[in-house]
Amino acid sequence: MNDTTTSVAAQVAALSNLPTPDLWALWDRFFKRRPDNPNRNYLESRVAYKLQEQAFGGLSAETQRRLVNIGMRHSKIKSRQIARDIELAPGTVLMREWGERDHKVTVTAEGTFEYEGKFFKSLSAVARHISGTPWSGPLFFGLKTNRKEAA
């Protein structure tokens, strides 16, 4: 083991003995908001992952997408759709003319979407915010075509 591995392993091992206020301080360093119903095991496991991710790097976008799709296929909670196949690199800017003005959306490094200083979890949420009606985000921004119109 190298020094980094030993150091990270020691940090992870120490989490179980860390006073709760110190654990929350670590949480706040890694996450934007606190969980609604936290328990100590959950906090420790998430902080441990972030410590390791910081030291060794995280999962590739492709691996993350594959894991989400696997989880969705095997979940007892059925969702309406499989995670998007559209991969947008951080920094990508999407433009759409709507309501006689241009709208610019930027893909963030965290995989969210920034529009006029606000952050959205999905393109569909941005499209709904702009238009005031339910829209498929990829369809609204021209990333895919409407199957009915294409036929």
N, C-alpha and C. Protein backbone atom coordinates (compact mmCIF):
# COMPACT_ATOMS: atom_id res chain seq x y z
N MET A 1 0.84 -1.19 0.00
CA MET A 1 0.00 0.00 0.00
C MET A 1 0.88 1.25 0.00
N ASN A 2 0.43 2.26 -0.75
CA ASN A 2 1.18 3.52 -0.73
C ASN A 2 0.62 4.43 0.35
N ASP A 3 1.25 5.61 0.52
CA ASP A 3 0.84 6.53 1.58
C ASP A 3 -0.58 7.05 1.39
N THR A 4 -0.98 7.30 0.14
CA THR A 4 -2.33 7.79 -0.12
C THR A 4 -3.37 6.76 0.30
N THR A 5 -3.13 5.49 -0.09
CA THR A 5 -4.06 4.41 0.25
C THR A 5 -4.17 4.27 1.76
N THR A 6 -3.05 4.27 2.46
CA THR A 6 -3.04 4.14 3.92
C THR A 6 -3.76 5.32 4.55
N SER A 7 -3.50 6.52 4.07
CA SER A 7 -4.11 7.73 4.62
C SER A 7 -5.63 7.70 4.44
N VAL A 8 -6.09 7.34 3.25
CA VAL A 8 -7.53 7.28 2.99
C VAL A 8 -8.18 6.18 3.83
N ALA A 9 -7.53 5.03 3.89
CA ALA A 9 -8.06 3.93 4.71
C ALA A 9 -8.17 4.35 6.17
N ALA A 10 -7.19 5.08 6.66
CA ALA A 10 -7.22 5.55 8.05
C ALA A 10 -8.37 6.56 8.25
N GLN A 11 -8.57 7.44 7.27
CA GLN A 11 -9.66 8.42 7.37
C GLN A 11 -11.01 7.71 7.39
N VAL A 12 -11.17 6.73 6.52
CA VAL A 12 -12.45 5.98 6.45
C VAL A 12 -12.67 5.22 7.75
N ALA A 13 -11.63 4.57 8.27
CA ALA A 13 -11.75 3.81 9.51
C ALA A 13 -12.10 4.73 10.69
N ALA A 14 -11.61 5.96 10.66
CA ALA A 14 -11.84 6.89 11.76
C ALA A 14 -13.26 7.46 11.77
N LEU A 15 -13.99 7.32 10.68
CA LEU A 15 -15.33 7.91 10.61
C LEU A 15 -16.26 7.39 11.71
N SER A 16 -16.15 6.11 12.05
CA SER A 16 -17.07 5.54 13.05
C SER A 16 -16.84 6.12 14.44
N ASN A 17 -15.66 6.67 14.69
CA ASN A 17 -15.37 7.26 16.01
C ASN A 17 -15.47 8.77 16.01
N LEU A 18 -15.79 9.34 14.87
CA LEU A 18 -15.86 10.80 14.73
C LEU A 18 -17.11 11.33 15.43
N PRO A 19 -16.98 12.40 16.21
CA PRO A 19 -18.19 13.01 16.81
C PRO A 19 -19.14 13.47 15.70
N THR A 20 -20.41 13.41 15.97
CA THR A 20 -21.42 13.74 14.96
C THR A 20 -21.23 15.14 14.35
N PRO A 21 -20.93 16.17 15.15
CA PRO A 21 -20.72 17.49 14.52
C PRO A 21 -19.56 17.49 13.50
N ASP A 22 -18.52 16.72 13.78
CA ASP A 22 -17.39 16.63 12.85
C ASP A 22 -17.78 15.86 11.58
N LEU A 23 -18.61 14.84 11.76
CA LEU A 23 -19.10 14.07 10.61
C LEU A 23 -19.96 14.98 9.72
N TRP A 24 -20.81 15.81 10.35
CA TRP A 24 -21.62 16.75 9.58
C TRP A 24 -20.75 17.76 8.85
N ALA A 25 -19.65 18.19 9.48
CA ALA A 25 -18.74 19.14 8.83
C ALA A 25 -18.15 18.52 7.56
N LEU A 26 -17.79 17.24 7.63
CA LEU A 26 -17.29 16.55 6.44
C LEU A 26 -18.40 16.44 5.39
N TRP A 27 -19.60 16.09 5.84
CA TRP A 27 -20.73 15.99 4.93
C TRP A 27 -20.91 17.31 4.16
N ASP A 28 -20.92 18.40 4.90
CA ASP A 28 -21.14 19.72 4.29
C ASP A 28 -20.03 20.08 3.31
N ARG A 29 -18.85 19.54 3.51
CA ARG A 29 -17.74 19.79 2.58
C ARG A 29 -17.99 19.11 1.23
N PHE A 30 -18.65 17.96 1.25
CA PHE A 30 -18.84 17.18 0.03
C PHE A 30 -20.21 17.33 -0.63
N PHE A 31 -21.24 17.70 0.13
CA PHE A 31 -22.59 17.72 -0.40
C PHE A 31 -23.24 19.09 -0.23
N LYS A 32 -24.12 19.43 -1.18
CA LYS A 32 -24.78 20.74 -1.17
C LYS A 32 -25.87 20.84 -0.12
N ARG A 33 -26.53 19.71 0.16
CA ARG A 33 -27.60 19.75 1.15
C ARG A 33 -27.59 18.49 1.98
N ARG A 34 -28.20 18.60 3.16
CA ARG A 34 -28.25 17.47 4.09
C ARG A 34 -29.45 16.59 3.77
N PRO A 35 -29.33 15.28 4.05
CA PRO A 35 -30.44 14.36 3.77
C PRO A 35 -31.62 14.62 4.71
N ASP A 36 -32.82 14.29 4.24
CA ASP A 36 -34.03 14.51 5.04
C ASP A 36 -34.10 13.62 6.28
N ASN A 37 -33.77 12.33 6.11
CA ASN A 37 -33.86 11.37 7.21
C ASN A 37 -32.54 10.63 7.38
N PRO A 38 -31.52 11.32 7.89
CA PRO A 38 -30.20 10.68 7.96
C PRO A 38 -30.09 9.69 9.11
N ASN A 39 -29.22 8.72 8.92
CA ASN A 39 -28.77 7.89 10.04
C ASN A 39 -27.26 7.81 9.94
N ARG A 40 -26.62 7.47 11.01
CA ARG A 40 -25.16 7.52 11.08
C ARG A 40 -24.51 6.63 10.02
N ASN A 41 -25.01 5.42 9.82
CA ASN A 41 -24.41 4.52 8.82
C ASN A 41 -24.46 5.12 7.43
N TYR A 42 -25.59 5.75 7.10
CA TYR A 42 -25.73 6.40 5.79
C TYR A 42 -24.70 7.52 5.64
N LEU A 43 -24.61 8.38 6.66
CA LEU A 43 -23.66 9.49 6.59
C LEU A 43 -22.23 8.99 6.42
N GLU A 44 -21.86 8.00 7.24
CA GLU A 44 -20.49 7.47 7.18
C GLU A 44 -20.19 6.86 5.81
N SER A 45 -21.13 6.10 5.27
CA SER A 45 -20.86 5.44 3.98
C SER A 45 -20.72 6.45 2.86
N ARG A 46 -21.55 7.48 2.84
CA ARG A 46 -21.47 8.50 1.78
C ARG A 46 -20.20 9.32 1.90
N VAL A 47 -19.83 9.70 3.13
CA VAL A 47 -18.59 10.47 3.33
C VAL A 47 -17.39 9.60 2.99
N ALA A 48 -17.42 8.32 3.36
CA ALA A 48 -16.32 7.41 3.03
C ALA A 48 -16.13 7.31 1.52
N TYR A 49 -17.22 7.20 0.79
CA TYR A 49 -17.13 7.14 -0.67
C TYR A 49 -16.49 8.41 -1.21
N LYS A 50 -16.94 9.56 -0.71
CA LYS A 50 -16.41 10.84 -1.20
C LYS A 50 -14.92 10.99 -0.88
N LEU A 51 -14.49 10.52 0.29
CA LEU A 51 -13.06 10.57 0.62
C LEU A 51 -12.25 9.74 -0.38
N GLN A 52 -12.76 8.55 -0.69
CA GLN A 52 -12.07 7.68 -1.65
C GLN A 52 -12.12 8.25 -3.05
N GLU A 53 -13.25 8.81 -3.43
CA GLU A 53 -13.40 9.41 -4.74
C GLU A 53 -12.42 10.58 -4.91
N GLN A 54 -12.29 11.38 -3.86
CA GLN A 54 -11.39 12.53 -3.90
C GLN A 54 -9.94 12.07 -4.07
N ALA A 55 -9.57 11.00 -3.41
CA ALA A 55 -8.19 10.52 -3.47
C ALA A 55 -7.89 9.73 -4.75
N PHE A 56 -8.82 8.92 -5.21
CA PHE A 56 -8.54 7.98 -6.30
C PHE A 56 -9.33 8.25 -7.58
N GLY A 57 -10.26 9.21 -7.54
CA GLY A 57 -11.09 9.49 -8.71
C GLY A 57 -12.40 8.72 -8.62
N GLY A 58 -13.38 9.21 -9.36
CA GLY A 58 -14.71 8.60 -9.32
C GLY A 58 -14.95 7.69 -10.50
N LEU A 59 -16.17 7.23 -10.60
CA LEU A 59 -16.57 6.38 -11.71
C LEU A 59 -16.70 7.21 -12.99
N SER A 60 -16.40 6.61 -14.11
CA SER A 60 -16.55 7.30 -15.38
C SER A 60 -18.04 7.54 -15.64
N ALA A 61 -18.34 8.50 -16.50
CA ALA A 61 -19.74 8.79 -16.83
C ALA A 61 -20.42 7.56 -17.43
N GLU A 62 -19.71 6.82 -18.25
CA GLU A 62 -20.27 5.61 -18.87
C GLU A 62 -20.62 4.58 -17.80
N THR A 63 -19.72 4.37 -16.83
CA THR A 63 -19.98 3.41 -15.75
C THR A 63 -21.17 3.86 -14.91
N GLN A 64 -21.24 5.15 -14.59
CA GLN A 64 -22.38 5.66 -13.83
C GLN A 64 -23.69 5.42 -14.58
N ARG A 65 -23.70 5.71 -15.87
CA ARG A 65 -24.92 5.51 -16.67
C ARG A 65 -25.32 4.04 -16.69
N ARG A 66 -24.32 3.16 -16.87
CA ARG A 66 -24.62 1.72 -16.91
C ARG A 66 -25.19 1.25 -15.57
N LEU A 67 -24.63 1.71 -14.46
CA LEU A 67 -25.13 1.30 -13.14
C LEU A 67 -26.55 1.80 -12.90
N VAL A 68 -26.84 3.02 -13.31
CA VAL A 68 -28.20 3.55 -13.17
C VAL A 68 -29.17 2.70 -13.98
N ASN A 69 -28.81 2.38 -15.21
CA ASN A 69 -29.69 1.56 -16.06
C ASN A 69 -29.89 0.17 -15.48
N ILE A 70 -28.84 -0.45 -14.96
CA ILE A 70 -28.97 -1.77 -14.33
C ILE A 70 -29.89 -1.67 -13.13
N GLY A 71 -29.68 -0.66 -12.29
CA GLY A 71 -30.53 -0.48 -11.11
C GLY A 71 -31.99 -0.28 -11.48
N MET A 72 -32.23 0.49 -12.52
CA MET A 72 -33.61 0.74 -12.94
C MET A 72 -34.26 -0.53 -13.49
N ARG A 73 -33.49 -1.34 -14.21
CA ARG A 73 -34.06 -2.58 -14.76
C ARG A 73 -34.42 -3.58 -13.67
N HIS A 74 -33.65 -3.60 -12.58
CA HIS A 74 -33.85 -4.60 -11.53
C HIS A 74 -34.63 -4.08 -10.32
N SER A 75 -34.99 -2.83 -10.34
CA SER A 75 -35.71 -2.24 -9.22
C SER A 75 -37.16 -2.72 -9.21
N LYS A 76 -37.70 -2.88 -8.02
CA LYS A 76 -39.11 -3.21 -7.88
C LYS A 76 -39.97 -1.96 -8.11
N ILE A 77 -39.36 -0.79 -8.02
CA ILE A 77 -40.03 0.47 -8.29
C ILE A 77 -39.79 0.79 -9.75
N LYS A 78 -40.82 0.66 -10.54
CA LYS A 78 -40.69 0.87 -11.98
C LYS A 78 -40.79 2.35 -12.31
N SER A 79 -39.88 2.82 -13.12
CA SER A 79 -39.94 4.21 -13.58
C SER A 79 -40.46 4.22 -15.01
N ARG A 80 -40.76 5.40 -15.49
CA ARG A 80 -41.34 5.51 -16.82
C ARG A 80 -40.33 5.31 -17.92
N GLN A 81 -39.05 5.58 -17.65
CA GLN A 81 -38.07 5.48 -18.72
C GLN A 81 -36.71 5.10 -18.18
N ILE A 82 -35.90 4.53 -19.04
CA ILE A 82 -34.52 4.23 -18.72
C ILE A 82 -33.73 5.53 -18.79
N ALA A 83 -32.66 5.65 -18.02
CA ALA A 83 -31.85 6.86 -18.03
C ALA A 83 -31.45 7.24 -19.45
N ARG A 84 -31.29 8.52 -19.65
CA ARG A 84 -31.03 9.02 -21.00
C ARG A 84 -29.75 8.45 -21.60
N ASP A 85 -29.79 8.22 -22.89
CA ASP A 85 -28.61 7.77 -23.61
C ASP A 85 -27.82 8.95 -24.15
N ILE A 86 -28.38 10.14 -24.02
CA ILE A 86 -27.71 11.33 -24.52
C ILE A 86 -26.66 11.73 -23.49
N GLU A 87 -25.42 11.76 -23.92
CA GLU A 87 -24.33 12.16 -23.03
C GLU A 87 -23.88 13.55 -23.43
N LEU A 88 -23.95 14.48 -22.50
CA LEU A 88 -23.53 15.85 -22.75
C LEU A 88 -22.33 16.17 -21.87
N ALA A 89 -21.25 16.61 -22.49
CA ALA A 89 -20.02 16.93 -21.76
C ALA A 89 -20.23 18.20 -20.93
N PRO A 90 -19.60 18.26 -19.75
CA PRO A 90 -19.68 19.49 -18.96
C PRO A 90 -19.20 20.68 -19.80
N GLY A 91 -19.92 21.78 -19.67
CA GLY A 91 -19.57 22.97 -20.43
C GLY A 91 -20.36 23.10 -21.73
N THR A 92 -21.05 22.02 -22.12
CA THR A 92 -21.88 22.08 -23.33
C THR A 92 -22.97 23.14 -23.14
N VAL A 93 -23.16 23.96 -24.15
CA VAL A 93 -24.18 25.01 -24.09
C VAL A 93 -25.28 24.65 -25.10
N LEU A 94 -26.51 24.62 -24.63
CA LEU A 94 -27.67 24.35 -25.48
C LEU A 94 -28.45 25.65 -25.64
N MET A 95 -28.87 25.93 -26.87
CA MET A 95 -29.62 27.15 -27.15
C MET A 95 -31.00 26.76 -27.69
N ARG A 96 -31.99 27.58 -27.32
CA ARG A 96 -33.34 27.37 -27.84
C ARG A 96 -34.03 28.72 -27.91
N GLU A 97 -34.64 29.00 -29.04
CA GLU A 97 -35.45 30.20 -29.16
C GLU A 97 -36.86 29.84 -28.73
N TRP A 98 -37.41 30.62 -27.82
CA TRP A 98 -38.75 30.37 -27.31
C TRP A 98 -39.32 31.68 -26.78
N GLY A 99 -40.52 31.97 -27.14
CA GLY A 99 -41.16 33.19 -26.65
C GLY A 99 -40.43 34.45 -27.08
N GLU A 100 -39.97 34.46 -28.32
CA GLU A 100 -39.29 35.62 -28.92
C GLU A 100 -37.98 35.98 -28.23
N ARG A 101 -37.33 35.01 -27.60
CA ARG A 101 -35.99 35.25 -27.04
C ARG A 101 -35.18 33.97 -27.04
N ASP A 102 -33.87 34.11 -26.98
CA ASP A 102 -32.97 32.97 -26.94
C ASP A 102 -32.74 32.54 -25.49
N HIS A 103 -32.74 31.24 -25.27
CA HIS A 103 -32.51 30.68 -23.94
C HIS A 103 -31.25 29.83 -24.00
N LYS A 104 -30.33 30.04 -23.06
CA LYS A 104 -29.05 29.34 -23.04
C LYS A 104 -28.95 28.49 -21.77
N VAL A 105 -28.67 27.20 -21.94
CA VAL A 105 -28.52 26.27 -20.83
C VAL A 105 -27.12 25.67 -20.90
N THR A 106 -26.44 25.61 -19.76
CA THR A 106 -25.08 25.06 -19.70
C THR A 106 -25.08 23.79 -18.86
N VAL A 107 -24.42 22.74 -19.37
CA VAL A 107 -24.27 21.49 -18.63
C VAL A 107 -23.14 21.67 -17.62
N THR A 108 -23.40 21.35 -16.36
CA THR A 108 -22.38 21.51 -15.32
C THR A 108 -21.57 20.23 -15.15
N ALA A 109 -20.46 20.34 -14.45
CA ALA A 109 -19.60 19.18 -14.18
C ALA A 109 -20.33 18.15 -13.32
N GLU A 110 -21.31 18.59 -12.54
CA GLU A 110 -22.07 17.68 -11.68
C GLU A 110 -23.19 16.96 -12.42
N GLY A 111 -23.38 17.31 -13.70
CA GLY A 111 -24.43 16.67 -14.49
C GLY A 111 -25.77 17.37 -14.37
N THR A 112 -25.79 18.55 -13.76
CA THR A 112 -27.02 19.33 -13.70
C THR A 112 -27.00 20.35 -14.83
N PHE A 113 -28.03 21.17 -14.89
CA PHE A 113 -28.17 22.13 -15.97
C PHE A 113 -28.38 23.52 -15.39
N GLU A 114 -27.54 24.48 -15.80
CA GLU A 114 -27.63 25.84 -15.29
C GLU A 114 -28.34 26.72 -16.31
N TYR A 115 -29.36 27.41 -15.83
CA TYR A 115 -30.13 28.33 -16.67
C TYR A 115 -30.41 29.59 -15.87
N GLU A 116 -29.90 30.71 -16.34
CA GLU A 116 -30.10 32.01 -15.70
C GLU A 116 -29.78 31.97 -14.20
N GLY A 117 -28.66 31.31 -13.85
CA GLY A 117 -28.22 31.27 -12.46
C GLY A 117 -28.92 30.24 -11.59
N LYS A 118 -29.88 29.51 -12.14
CA LYS A 118 -30.58 28.46 -11.39
C LYS A 118 -30.12 27.11 -11.90
N PHE A 119 -30.13 26.12 -11.02
CA PHE A 119 -29.67 24.78 -11.39
C PHE A 119 -30.85 23.81 -11.40
N PHE A 120 -30.89 22.98 -12.42
CA PHE A 120 -31.98 22.02 -12.62
C PHE A 120 -31.39 20.62 -12.76
N LYS A 121 -32.11 19.61 -12.27
CA LYS A 121 -31.63 18.23 -12.34
C LYS A 121 -31.78 17.63 -13.72
N SER A 122 -32.67 18.17 -14.54
CA SER A 122 -32.91 17.59 -15.86
C SER A 122 -33.20 18.67 -16.88
N LEU A 123 -32.98 18.31 -18.14
CA LEU A 123 -33.33 19.21 -19.24
C LEU A 123 -34.84 19.43 -19.29
N SER A 124 -35.59 18.39 -18.94
CA SER A 124 -37.05 18.53 -18.95
C SER A 124 -37.52 19.56 -17.93
N ALA A 125 -36.84 19.63 -16.79
CA ALA A 125 -37.19 20.64 -15.78
C ALA A 125 -36.90 22.04 -16.32
N VAL A 126 -35.79 22.20 -17.05
CA VAL A 126 -35.47 23.49 -17.66
C VAL A 126 -36.53 23.84 -18.70
N ALA A 127 -36.87 22.88 -19.56
CA ALA A 127 -37.87 23.12 -20.61
C ALA A 127 -39.21 23.51 -20.00
N ARG A 128 -39.60 22.85 -18.92
CA ARG A 128 -40.86 23.17 -18.24
C ARG A 128 -40.80 24.58 -17.65
N HIS A 129 -39.63 24.95 -17.08
CA HIS A 129 -39.46 26.28 -16.51
C HIS A 129 -39.58 27.36 -17.59
N ILE A 130 -38.96 27.12 -18.74
CA ILE A 130 -38.98 28.09 -19.83
C ILE A 130 -40.37 28.21 -20.45
N SER A 131 -40.98 27.06 -20.74
CA SER A 131 -42.24 27.06 -21.51
C SER A 131 -43.49 27.15 -20.65
N GLY A 132 -43.38 26.72 -19.39
CA GLY A 132 -44.55 26.69 -18.53
C GLY A 132 -45.45 25.49 -18.77
N THR A 133 -44.99 24.55 -19.62
CA THR A 133 -45.76 23.34 -19.90
C THR A 133 -44.83 22.13 -19.88
N PRO A 134 -45.38 20.93 -19.69
CA PRO A 134 -44.53 19.72 -19.70
C PRO A 134 -43.90 19.49 -21.07
N TRP A 135 -42.60 19.29 -21.09
CA TRP A 135 -41.86 19.03 -22.32
C TRP A 135 -40.82 17.97 -22.05
N SER A 136 -40.48 17.20 -23.06
CA SER A 136 -39.29 16.37 -23.01
C SER A 136 -38.12 17.33 -23.24
N GLY A 137 -37.19 17.39 -22.30
CA GLY A 137 -36.05 18.29 -22.44
C GLY A 137 -35.24 18.04 -23.70
N PRO A 138 -34.86 16.76 -23.97
CA PRO A 138 -34.10 16.50 -25.19
C PRO A 138 -34.87 16.89 -26.45
N LEU A 139 -36.17 16.71 -26.45
CA LEU A 139 -36.98 17.12 -27.60
C LEU A 139 -37.04 18.65 -27.71
N PHE A 140 -37.25 19.32 -26.59
CA PHE A 140 -37.33 20.78 -26.55
C PHE A 140 -36.05 21.42 -27.08
N PHE A 141 -34.89 20.85 -26.71
CA PHE A 141 -33.61 21.42 -27.13
C PHE A 141 -33.06 20.80 -28.41
N GLY A 142 -33.88 19.98 -29.09
CA GLY A 142 -33.49 19.45 -30.39
C GLY A 142 -32.47 18.33 -30.36
N LEU A 143 -32.36 17.63 -29.22
CA LEU A 143 -31.41 16.53 -29.11
C LEU A 143 -31.98 15.21 -29.61
N LYS A 144 -33.30 15.16 -29.75
CA LYS A 144 -33.95 13.99 -30.36
C LYS A 144 -35.19 14.49 -31.07
N THR A 145 -35.71 13.64 -31.95
CA THR A 145 -36.88 14.05 -32.72
C THR A 145 -38.13 13.41 -32.15
N ASN A 146 -39.24 14.03 -32.41
CA ASN A 146 -40.54 13.48 -32.03
C ASN A 146 -40.85 12.33 -32.98
N ARG A 147 -41.04 11.13 -32.46
CA ARG A 147 -41.27 9.95 -33.29
C ARG A 147 -42.51 10.11 -34.18
N LYS A 148 -43.52 10.77 -33.67
CA LYS A 148 -44.75 10.97 -34.46
C LYS A 148 -44.48 11.83 -35.69
N GLU A 149 -43.67 12.88 -35.51
CA GLU A 149 -43.36 13.76 -36.64
C GLU A 149 -42.38 13.12 -37.59
N ALA A 150 -41.50 12.25 -37.08
CA ALA A 150 -40.47 11.61 -37.92
C ALA A 150 -41.07 10.54 -38.81
N ALA A 151 -42.20 9.95 -38.41
CA ALA A 151 -42.81 8.85 -39.17
C ALA A 151 -43.51 9.33 -40.40
